[in-house]
Amino acid sequence: MSTRLSPAKRGATPRNRSQNAKQTANQSLRRAQLIFDRVFKAQSIHFYRLLGVTLFLVGFGVIMVLSASSIDSLKANNNSFSIFNKQFFFAILGLLGMSLISLMPTTFFRSKASFFFRVAMILQIAVFFIGEEINGNKNWISVFGLFTIQPSEFLKVAVVLFVAAHLSSNVNYFYDQSVWMKAIVVSGVAMGAVMVGKDLGTVIIMAIMFIGMMVLAGMPQKLITWILAAGAVLLPLALSTSSSRWGRIMAWLNPNAPDPNGYNWQSEHGMWALSAGRIFGAGLGESKMKWSWIPEVENDFIFAIIGEELGLVGALVVIALFGALTIFFLNIYNRTSDLFSKYVVGAIMLWIIFQALVNIAVVLRLLPVLGVPLPLISAGGSSLVATLAGIGIVLSIERENHAKPAPAKRVTPRRK
């Protein structure tokens, strides 16, 4: 008596193998189609507006870095293009990174938020042991002697992702203060690690970004009051840890007082540069103040060179571009329904826009010198790459906003 074996026991027939191969091929084609659609499919107008302004500011920044740094580069390296070459390299690297990041799903950023935070904190702590001190701040790590990286710039992005993931996962427990305390402690530890390197400007931007994100998420008014009170106490203590920082603030408060230490030198010559530009500027490349009259002219005070070479018109155009960037961020923020994504967009918007405002306010002598670069324009590889990475995450979020099906329109029956 013979027994019949099931197809599984007999093994796959040639026909079954052919069908399995076709199914595998079809699945691969579908994956390729999804990747192709994500890369090349037309996006929303909000996506292209944010991308367009970002590309323009990066290109404009590279040109202005070349103009502002040419004299200092020639003096330091006997090559007028040395700083420009580094900035151009990091611009290409940052734009490529932004493009790749914009293709990642938001679930990737959320799932890896804890990992990114740990790596960024390890790098920031490593600064204490192997870091380099530049202009009194110890916040850089040398990479094989070729260039330096500033971990605090990447720590901004990492903490935003971590806190956004934490808050969005506990949205039903916002009544519990321990949820908010964890976010506050994580942000405070990150800022404290940066403050050890005496980079007060970066800490101020981080505080605006982190506190702003938690306020947008709905942090209770009582906790907001406590944080502001703690900031009012800690800020004078932070200022007192550095005599030069305190001297710059006192010189800013008393601009007409004797200044034997030259604390007002940078800001005074920045104002002279803006005054020399008048309405239409002296012309691109024709700045006189960049001839070693302004320290860090291609970085913290590049806006002064923009005003001198392109005049009031050029300076107002730059301000208008950051205003447009704010509007485009807000449009994407309002379109985003996922809470994690919404918190991330809000934090990155606050970071970039307030950093631009602080930089411009310093050049206009509305604030004391804080050492904060102008986003997307100032020289500095870490700042540029980290900022473009943040914008890449926002573009990824907008891709998903655009990919969501539009809500069905309610059809009302016609009256007979």
Protein backbone atom coordinates (compact mmCIF):
# COMPACT_ATOMS: atom_id res chain seq x y z
CA MET A 1 0.00 0.00 0.00
CA SER A 2 1.58 3.25 -1.12
CA THR A 3 1.23 6.47 0.83
CA ARG A 4 0.99 9.88 -0.89
CA LEU A 5 3.36 12.55 0.37
CA SER A 6 2.25 16.16 0.86
CA PRO A 7 3.81 18.82 -1.44
CA ALA A 8 5.91 20.05 1.50
CA LYS A 9 7.31 16.56 2.02
CA ARG A 10 7.86 15.86 -1.66
CA GLY A 11 9.80 19.11 -2.03
CA ALA A 12 9.18 22.02 -4.36
CA THR A 13 8.37 21.18 -7.95
CA PRO A 14 9.94 23.14 -10.81
CA ARG A 15 6.64 24.98 -11.18
CA ASN A 16 6.61 25.94 -7.49
CA ARG A 17 10.23 27.09 -7.67
CA SER A 18 9.37 29.24 -10.67
CA GLN A 19 6.44 30.81 -8.81
CA ASN A 20 8.62 31.49 -5.74
CA ALA A 21 11.26 33.13 -7.92
CA LYS A 22 8.60 35.33 -9.54
CA GLN A 23 7.25 36.34 -6.13
CA THR A 24 10.75 37.23 -4.91
CA ALA A 25 11.41 39.22 -8.07
CA ASN A 26 8.09 41.06 -7.70
CA GLN A 27 8.87 41.91 -4.07
CA SER A 28 12.28 43.27 -5.09
CA LEU A 29 10.67 45.34 -7.82
CA ARG A 30 8.14 46.75 -5.36
CA ARG A 31 10.92 47.70 -2.94
CA ALA A 32 12.86 49.35 -5.74
CA GLN A 33 9.70 51.18 -6.83
CA LEU A 34 9.15 52.46 -3.29
CA ILE A 35 12.75 53.69 -3.08
CA PHE A 36 12.49 55.29 -6.52
CA ASP A 37 9.24 57.00 -5.61
CA ARG A 38 10.69 58.31 -2.35
CA VAL A 39 13.75 59.72 -4.10
CA PHE A 40 12.24 61.13 -7.28
CA LYS A 41 8.55 61.56 -6.62
CA ALA A 42 7.44 65.18 -6.67
CA GLN A 43 7.13 66.63 -3.18
CA SER A 44 5.00 69.36 -1.69
CA ILE A 45 5.58 73.05 -2.30
CA HIS A 46 6.63 73.34 1.36
CA PHE A 47 9.40 70.79 0.80
CA TYR A 48 10.79 72.67 -2.20
CA ARG A 49 10.54 76.07 -0.53
CA LEU A 50 12.56 74.94 2.49
CA LEU A 51 15.05 73.12 0.27
CA GLY A 52 15.41 76.10 -2.10
CA VAL A 53 16.11 78.67 0.62
CA THR A 54 18.54 76.29 2.32
CA LEU A 55 20.51 75.72 -0.90
CA PHE A 56 20.63 79.46 -1.59
CA LEU A 57 21.88 80.29 1.91
CA VAL A 58 24.58 77.59 1.74
CA GLY A 59 25.78 78.79 -1.68
CA PHE A 60 25.69 82.41 -0.56
CA GLY A 61 27.55 81.48 2.63
CA VAL A 62 30.36 79.74 0.75
CA ILE A 63 30.85 82.86 -1.41
CA MET A 64 30.87 85.17 1.61
CA VAL A 65 33.31 82.91 3.49
CA LEU A 66 35.67 83.14 0.51
CA SER A 67 35.42 86.92 0.51
CA ALA A 68 35.67 87.39 4.29
CA SER A 69 38.47 84.87 4.94
CA SER A 70 40.80 85.53 2.01
CA ILE A 71 43.16 87.88 3.90
CA ASP A 72 43.36 85.84 7.11
CA SER A 73 43.87 82.68 5.03
CA LEU A 74 46.71 84.31 3.12
CA LYS A 75 48.41 85.43 6.35
CA ALA A 76 48.02 82.09 8.12
CA ASN A 77 48.63 79.61 5.30
CA ASN A 78 50.00 81.63 2.39
CA ASN A 79 46.86 80.56 0.53
CA SER A 80 43.82 82.80 0.15
CA PHE A 81 41.57 79.78 -0.41
CA SER A 82 42.48 77.60 2.61
CA ILE A 83 39.42 78.44 4.75
CA PHE A 84 37.18 78.53 1.69
CA ASN A 85 38.35 75.05 0.60
CA LYS A 86 37.41 73.59 3.98
CA GLN A 87 34.04 75.34 3.96
CA PHE A 88 33.31 74.16 0.41
CA PHE A 89 34.19 70.58 1.39
CA PHE A 90 31.90 70.65 4.41
CA ALA A 91 29.14 72.27 2.34
CA ILE A 92 29.24 69.38 -0.13
CA LEU A 93 29.43 66.86 2.73
CA GLY A 94 26.54 68.53 4.55
CA LEU A 95 24.33 68.71 1.46
CA LEU A 96 24.96 65.04 0.69
CA GLY A 97 24.16 64.17 4.30
CA MET A 98 20.99 66.28 4.19
CA SER A 99 19.87 64.47 1.03
CA LEU A 100 20.43 61.03 2.53
CA ILE A 101 18.80 61.97 5.83
CA SER A 102 15.75 63.33 4.02
CA LEU A 103 15.23 59.85 2.52
CA MET A 104 15.14 58.15 5.92
CA PRO A 105 11.74 57.39 7.48
CA THR A 106 10.94 59.19 10.71
CA THR A 107 10.64 55.82 12.46
CA PHE A 108 14.40 55.45 11.97
CA PHE A 109 15.16 58.69 13.85
CA ARG A 110 12.75 57.77 16.62
CA SER A 111 14.11 54.25 17.09
CA LYS A 112 17.76 55.41 17.05
CA ALA A 113 17.28 58.53 19.19
CA SER A 114 18.76 56.94 22.32
CA PHE A 115 21.76 55.63 20.37
CA PHE A 116 22.45 59.03 18.80
CA PHE A 117 22.26 60.70 22.21
CA ARG A 118 24.75 58.27 23.79
CA VAL A 119 27.24 58.69 20.93
CA ALA A 120 26.97 62.50 21.02
CA MET A 121 27.44 62.59 24.79
CA ILE A 122 30.50 60.33 24.57
CA LEU A 123 32.04 62.68 22.01
CA GLN A 124 31.21 65.72 24.15
CA ILE A 125 32.75 64.12 27.24
CA ALA A 126 35.82 63.16 25.19
CA VAL A 127 36.41 66.89 24.67
CA PHE A 128 37.42 67.15 28.35
CA PHE A 129 40.32 64.74 27.77
CA ILE A 130 41.44 65.15 24.14
CA GLY A 131 39.80 68.43 23.18
CA GLU A 132 41.50 71.51 21.78
CA GLU A 133 41.05 75.01 23.17
CA ILE A 134 40.28 77.78 20.67
CA ASN A 135 39.75 81.40 21.78
CA GLY A 136 39.27 80.33 25.40
CA ASN A 137 36.65 77.65 24.64
CA LYS A 138 37.49 73.95 24.81
CA ASN A 139 34.90 72.40 22.53
CA TRP A 140 36.77 70.89 19.59
CA ILE A 141 38.35 67.52 18.81
CA SER A 142 41.12 67.27 16.22
CA VAL A 143 40.68 64.58 13.57
CA PHE A 144 44.13 63.33 12.49
CA GLY A 145 45.34 66.92 12.50
CA LEU A 146 43.38 67.64 9.30
CA PHE A 147 40.36 69.42 10.75
CA THR A 148 38.42 69.75 13.99
CA ILE A 149 34.87 68.80 14.90
CA GLN A 150 32.66 70.44 17.50
CA PRO A 151 30.59 67.71 19.20
CA SER A 152 28.23 70.23 20.82
CA GLU A 153 26.73 71.01 17.38
CA PHE A 154 25.76 67.37 16.86
CA LEU A 155 24.65 67.09 20.49
CA LYS A 156 21.92 69.62 19.69
CA VAL A 157 20.34 67.28 17.14
CA ALA A 158 20.78 64.20 19.33
CA VAL A 159 19.08 65.74 22.37
CA VAL A 160 16.19 67.03 20.24
CA LEU A 161 15.54 63.51 18.89
CA PHE A 162 15.86 61.92 22.35
CA VAL A 163 13.57 64.38 24.13
CA ALA A 164 11.02 64.33 21.27
CA ALA A 165 10.93 60.51 21.35
CA HIS A 166 10.57 60.52 25.14
CA LEU A 167 7.75 63.08 25.22
CA SER A 168 5.81 61.57 22.32
CA SER A 169 5.98 58.12 23.97
CA ASN A 170 4.59 59.50 27.24
CA VAL A 171 1.99 61.92 25.93
CA ASN A 172 -0.71 60.22 28.01
CA TYR A 173 1.30 60.78 31.19
CA PHE A 174 2.01 64.50 30.93
CA TYR A 175 0.24 64.97 34.26
CA ASP A 176 3.17 63.12 35.87
CA GLN A 177 6.01 65.55 36.58
CA SER A 178 8.58 62.74 36.31
CA VAL A 179 8.01 62.69 32.53
CA TRP A 180 9.00 66.35 32.28
CA MET A 181 11.82 66.00 34.81
CA LYS A 182 13.53 63.35 32.69
CA ALA A 183 13.43 65.66 29.67
CA ILE A 184 14.72 68.57 31.77
CA VAL A 185 17.54 66.50 33.31
CA VAL A 186 18.69 65.14 29.93
CA SER A 187 18.72 68.64 28.43
CA GLY A 188 20.47 70.05 31.50
CA VAL A 189 23.19 67.40 31.46
CA ALA A 190 23.86 68.11 27.79
CA MET A 191 24.08 71.86 28.38
CA GLY A 192 26.25 71.34 31.44
CA ALA A 193 28.69 69.24 29.42
CA VAL A 194 28.97 72.05 26.87
CA MET A 195 29.27 74.71 29.58
CA VAL A 196 32.31 72.96 31.04
CA GLY A 197 34.03 73.95 27.79
CA LYS A 198 33.01 77.58 28.46
CA ASP A 199 30.88 77.88 25.31
CA LEU A 200 28.12 80.07 26.73
CA GLY A 201 26.75 81.05 23.31
CA THR A 202 26.02 77.44 22.33
CA VAL A 203 24.47 76.79 25.75
CA ILE A 204 22.09 79.74 25.32
CA ILE A 205 20.95 78.45 21.92
CA MET A 206 20.50 74.95 23.34
CA ALA A 207 18.43 76.33 26.23
CA ILE A 208 16.15 78.25 23.85
CA MET A 209 15.73 75.15 21.69
CA PHE A 210 15.09 72.61 24.46
CA ILE A 211 12.84 74.78 26.61
CA GLY A 212 10.95 75.97 23.54
CA MET A 213 10.33 72.39 22.42
CA MET A 214 8.97 71.41 25.83
CA VAL A 215 6.76 74.50 25.96
CA LEU A 216 5.34 73.62 22.53
CA ALA A 217 4.71 70.11 23.82
CA GLY A 218 2.63 71.50 26.70
CA MET A 219 4.94 71.69 29.71
CA PRO A 220 3.04 72.90 32.81
CA GLN A 221 3.30 76.58 33.67
CA LYS A 222 4.71 75.79 37.11
CA LEU A 223 7.72 73.98 35.65
CA ILE A 224 8.29 76.80 33.14
CA THR A 225 8.43 79.27 36.02
CA TRP A 226 10.90 77.10 37.94
CA ILE A 227 13.15 76.73 34.87
CA LEU A 228 13.18 80.48 34.24
CA ALA A 229 13.97 81.14 37.90
CA ALA A 230 16.82 78.62 37.81
CA GLY A 231 18.14 80.24 34.63
CA ALA A 232 18.09 83.66 36.26
CA VAL A 233 20.29 82.28 39.07
CA LEU A 234 22.64 80.16 36.96
CA LEU A 235 23.31 82.71 34.20
CA PRO A 236 25.23 85.19 36.43
CA LEU A 237 27.20 82.26 37.86
CA ALA A 238 28.11 81.13 34.34
CA LEU A 239 29.18 84.65 33.42
CA SER A 240 31.40 84.93 36.48
CA THR A 241 33.42 81.82 35.53
CA SER A 242 35.27 83.74 32.82
CA SER A 243 36.85 87.15 33.30
CA SER A 244 36.95 87.84 29.56
CA ARG A 245 33.26 87.00 29.16
CA TRP A 246 32.34 89.26 32.07
CA GLY A 247 34.58 91.97 30.61
CA ARG A 248 32.79 91.78 27.24
CA ILE A 249 29.42 92.13 28.92
CA MET A 250 30.52 95.12 31.00
CA ALA A 251 32.04 96.73 27.89
CA TRP A 252 28.75 96.18 26.07
CA LEU A 253 26.82 97.79 28.92
CA ASN A 254 29.25 100.74 29.04
CA PRO A 255 30.35 101.29 25.41
CA ASN A 256 31.80 104.74 26.12
CA ALA A 257 33.90 103.67 29.12
CA PRO A 258 37.68 103.19 28.78
CA ASP A 259 38.46 99.84 27.18
CA PRO A 260 42.15 99.03 27.79
CA ASN A 261 41.62 95.29 27.19
CA GLY A 262 39.93 95.84 23.83
CA TYR A 263 36.71 94.03 24.69
CA ASN A 264 34.76 96.34 22.36
CA TRP A 265 37.24 96.06 19.49
CA GLN A 266 35.36 93.36 17.58
CA SER A 267 31.91 94.88 17.94
CA GLU A 268 33.10 98.45 17.22
CA HIS A 269 34.80 97.44 13.98
CA GLY A 270 31.76 95.40 13.06
CA MET A 271 29.64 98.52 13.31
CA TRP A 272 32.20 100.44 11.24
CA ALA A 273 31.93 97.77 8.56
CA LEU A 274 28.14 98.09 8.48
CA SER A 275 28.41 101.88 8.31
CA ALA A 276 30.90 101.74 5.44
CA GLY A 277 28.49 99.62 3.39
CA ARG A 278 25.79 102.28 3.29
CA ILE A 279 22.87 101.37 1.00
CA PHE A 280 24.37 99.24 -1.79
CA GLY A 281 27.73 98.27 -0.30
CA ALA A 282 31.34 98.60 -1.38
CA GLY A 283 31.07 95.59 -3.69
CA LEU A 284 31.72 91.89 -3.27
CA GLY A 285 35.30 91.32 -2.15
CA GLU A 286 35.92 95.03 -1.45
CA SER A 287 35.69 94.98 2.35
CA LYS A 288 38.37 96.90 4.24
CA MET A 289 37.49 95.59 7.70
CA LYS A 290 38.39 92.02 6.70
CA TRP A 291 42.06 93.11 6.51
CA SER A 292 42.64 91.79 10.03
CA TRP A 293 40.54 94.49 11.67
CA ILE A 294 37.82 92.09 12.90
CA PRO A 295 38.74 88.84 14.68
CA GLU A 296 36.76 85.75 13.50
CA VAL A 297 35.45 87.81 10.61
CA GLU A 298 34.46 84.75 8.53
CA ASN A 299 32.65 83.22 11.47
CA ASP A 300 30.90 85.20 14.22
CA PHE A 301 31.03 88.54 12.36
CA ILE A 302 30.42 87.52 8.77
CA PHE A 303 27.18 89.53 8.82
CA ALA A 304 29.30 92.68 9.23
CA ILE A 305 31.13 91.85 5.98
CA ILE A 306 27.82 91.18 4.26
CA GLY A 307 26.67 94.65 5.30
CA GLU A 308 29.95 96.27 4.21
CA GLU A 309 30.21 94.60 0.81
CA LEU A 310 26.51 94.31 -0.09
CA GLY A 311 25.17 97.26 1.89
CA LEU A 312 21.88 97.66 3.70
CA VAL A 313 20.11 95.99 0.79
CA GLY A 314 22.21 92.82 1.08
CA ALA A 315 21.83 92.70 4.87
CA LEU A 316 18.06 93.07 4.62
CA VAL A 317 17.89 90.32 2.00
CA VAL A 318 19.70 87.94 4.37
CA ILE A 319 17.29 88.84 7.19
CA ALA A 320 14.35 88.35 4.81
CA LEU A 321 15.66 84.89 3.84
CA PHE A 322 15.72 83.82 7.47
CA GLY A 323 12.23 85.26 7.82
CA ALA A 324 11.12 83.12 4.86
CA LEU A 325 12.82 80.12 6.44
CA THR A 326 10.74 80.72 9.59
CA ILE A 327 7.52 80.76 7.58
CA PHE A 328 8.43 77.54 5.75
CA PHE A 329 9.28 75.81 9.03
CA LEU A 330 5.97 76.95 10.51
CA ASN A 331 4.04 75.65 7.49
CA ILE A 332 5.61 72.21 7.89
CA TYR A 333 5.08 72.33 11.66
CA ASN A 334 1.37 73.05 11.20
CA ARG A 335 1.05 70.26 8.59
CA THR A 336 2.62 67.65 10.86
CA SER A 337 0.25 65.47 12.89
CA ASP A 338 2.69 62.92 14.37
CA LEU A 339 3.77 64.25 17.77
CA PHE A 340 7.39 63.10 17.57
CA SER A 341 7.81 64.77 14.18
CA LYS A 342 6.01 67.90 15.35
CA TYR A 343 8.29 68.32 18.36
CA VAL A 344 11.39 67.81 16.18
CA VAL A 345 10.30 70.40 13.59
CA GLY A 346 9.53 72.94 16.30
CA ALA A 347 12.88 72.46 18.04
CA ILE A 348 14.95 72.67 14.85
CA MET A 349 13.05 75.79 13.80
CA LEU A 350 13.78 77.46 17.15
CA TRP A 351 17.44 76.45 16.94
CA ILE A 352 18.17 77.86 13.48
CA ILE A 353 16.05 81.00 13.66
CA PHE A 354 17.06 82.10 17.17
CA GLN A 355 20.73 81.40 16.44
CA ALA A 356 20.46 83.67 13.39
CA LEU A 357 18.74 86.34 15.46
CA VAL A 358 21.41 86.16 18.19
CA ASN A 359 24.26 86.38 15.66
CA ILE A 360 22.77 89.38 13.89
CA ALA A 361 21.90 91.06 17.21
CA VAL A 362 25.54 90.69 18.34
CA VAL A 363 26.83 92.36 15.17
CA LEU A 364 24.30 95.17 15.64
CA ARG A 365 25.49 95.52 19.28
CA LEU A 366 22.05 94.65 20.62
CA LEU A 367 23.71 91.79 22.53
CA PRO A 368 27.23 91.27 23.87
CA VAL A 369 29.65 89.11 21.87
CA LEU A 370 28.64 85.47 22.42
CA GLY A 371 30.56 83.57 19.74
CA VAL A 372 27.51 82.22 17.90
CA PRO A 373 27.85 81.59 14.12
CA LEU A 374 25.28 82.64 11.53
CA PRO A 375 23.56 79.38 10.49
CA LEU A 376 24.31 78.09 6.96
CA ILE A 377 26.52 81.12 6.21
CA SER A 378 29.36 81.40 8.74
CA ALA A 379 32.54 79.36 8.39
CA GLY A 380 32.60 76.20 10.49
CA GLY A 381 32.23 72.65 9.29
CA SER A 382 30.53 71.17 12.37
CA SER A 383 27.93 73.94 12.54
CA LEU A 384 27.14 73.69 8.83
CA VAL A 385 26.90 69.88 8.72
CA ALA A 386 24.82 69.67 11.91
CA THR A 387 22.44 72.39 10.72
CA LEU A 388 21.98 70.68 7.35
CA ALA A 389 21.37 67.38 9.17
CA GLY A 390 18.61 69.06 11.17
CA ILE A 391 17.03 70.46 8.01
CA GLY A 392 17.34 67.01 6.40
CA ILE A 393 15.23 65.56 9.23
CA VAL A 394 12.59 68.24 8.66
CA LEU A 395 12.58 67.45 4.92
CA SER A 396 12.11 63.76 5.78
CA ILE A 397 9.12 64.68 7.94
CA GLU A 398 7.64 66.77 5.13
CA ARG A 399 8.09 63.84 2.71
CA GLU A 400 5.89 61.77 4.99
CA ASN A 401 3.39 64.61 5.37
CA HIS A 402 3.08 64.74 1.60
CA ALA A 403 2.83 60.95 1.25
CA LYS A 404 -0.15 60.71 3.60
CA PRO A 405 -3.47 60.37 1.76
CA ALA A 406 -5.54 63.52 1.73
CA PRO A 407 -8.67 63.39 3.89
CA ALA A 408 -11.70 62.32 1.94
CA LYS A 409 -13.98 65.15 0.98
CA ARG A 410 -17.45 64.99 2.38
CA VAL A 411 -19.95 64.80 -0.46
CA THR A 412 -23.33 66.33 0.22
CA PRO A 413 -26.26 64.86 -1.70
CA ARG A 414 -27.80 67.09 -4.31
CA ARG A 415 -31.28 68.27 -3.78
CA LYS A 416 -33.80 67.14 -6.33
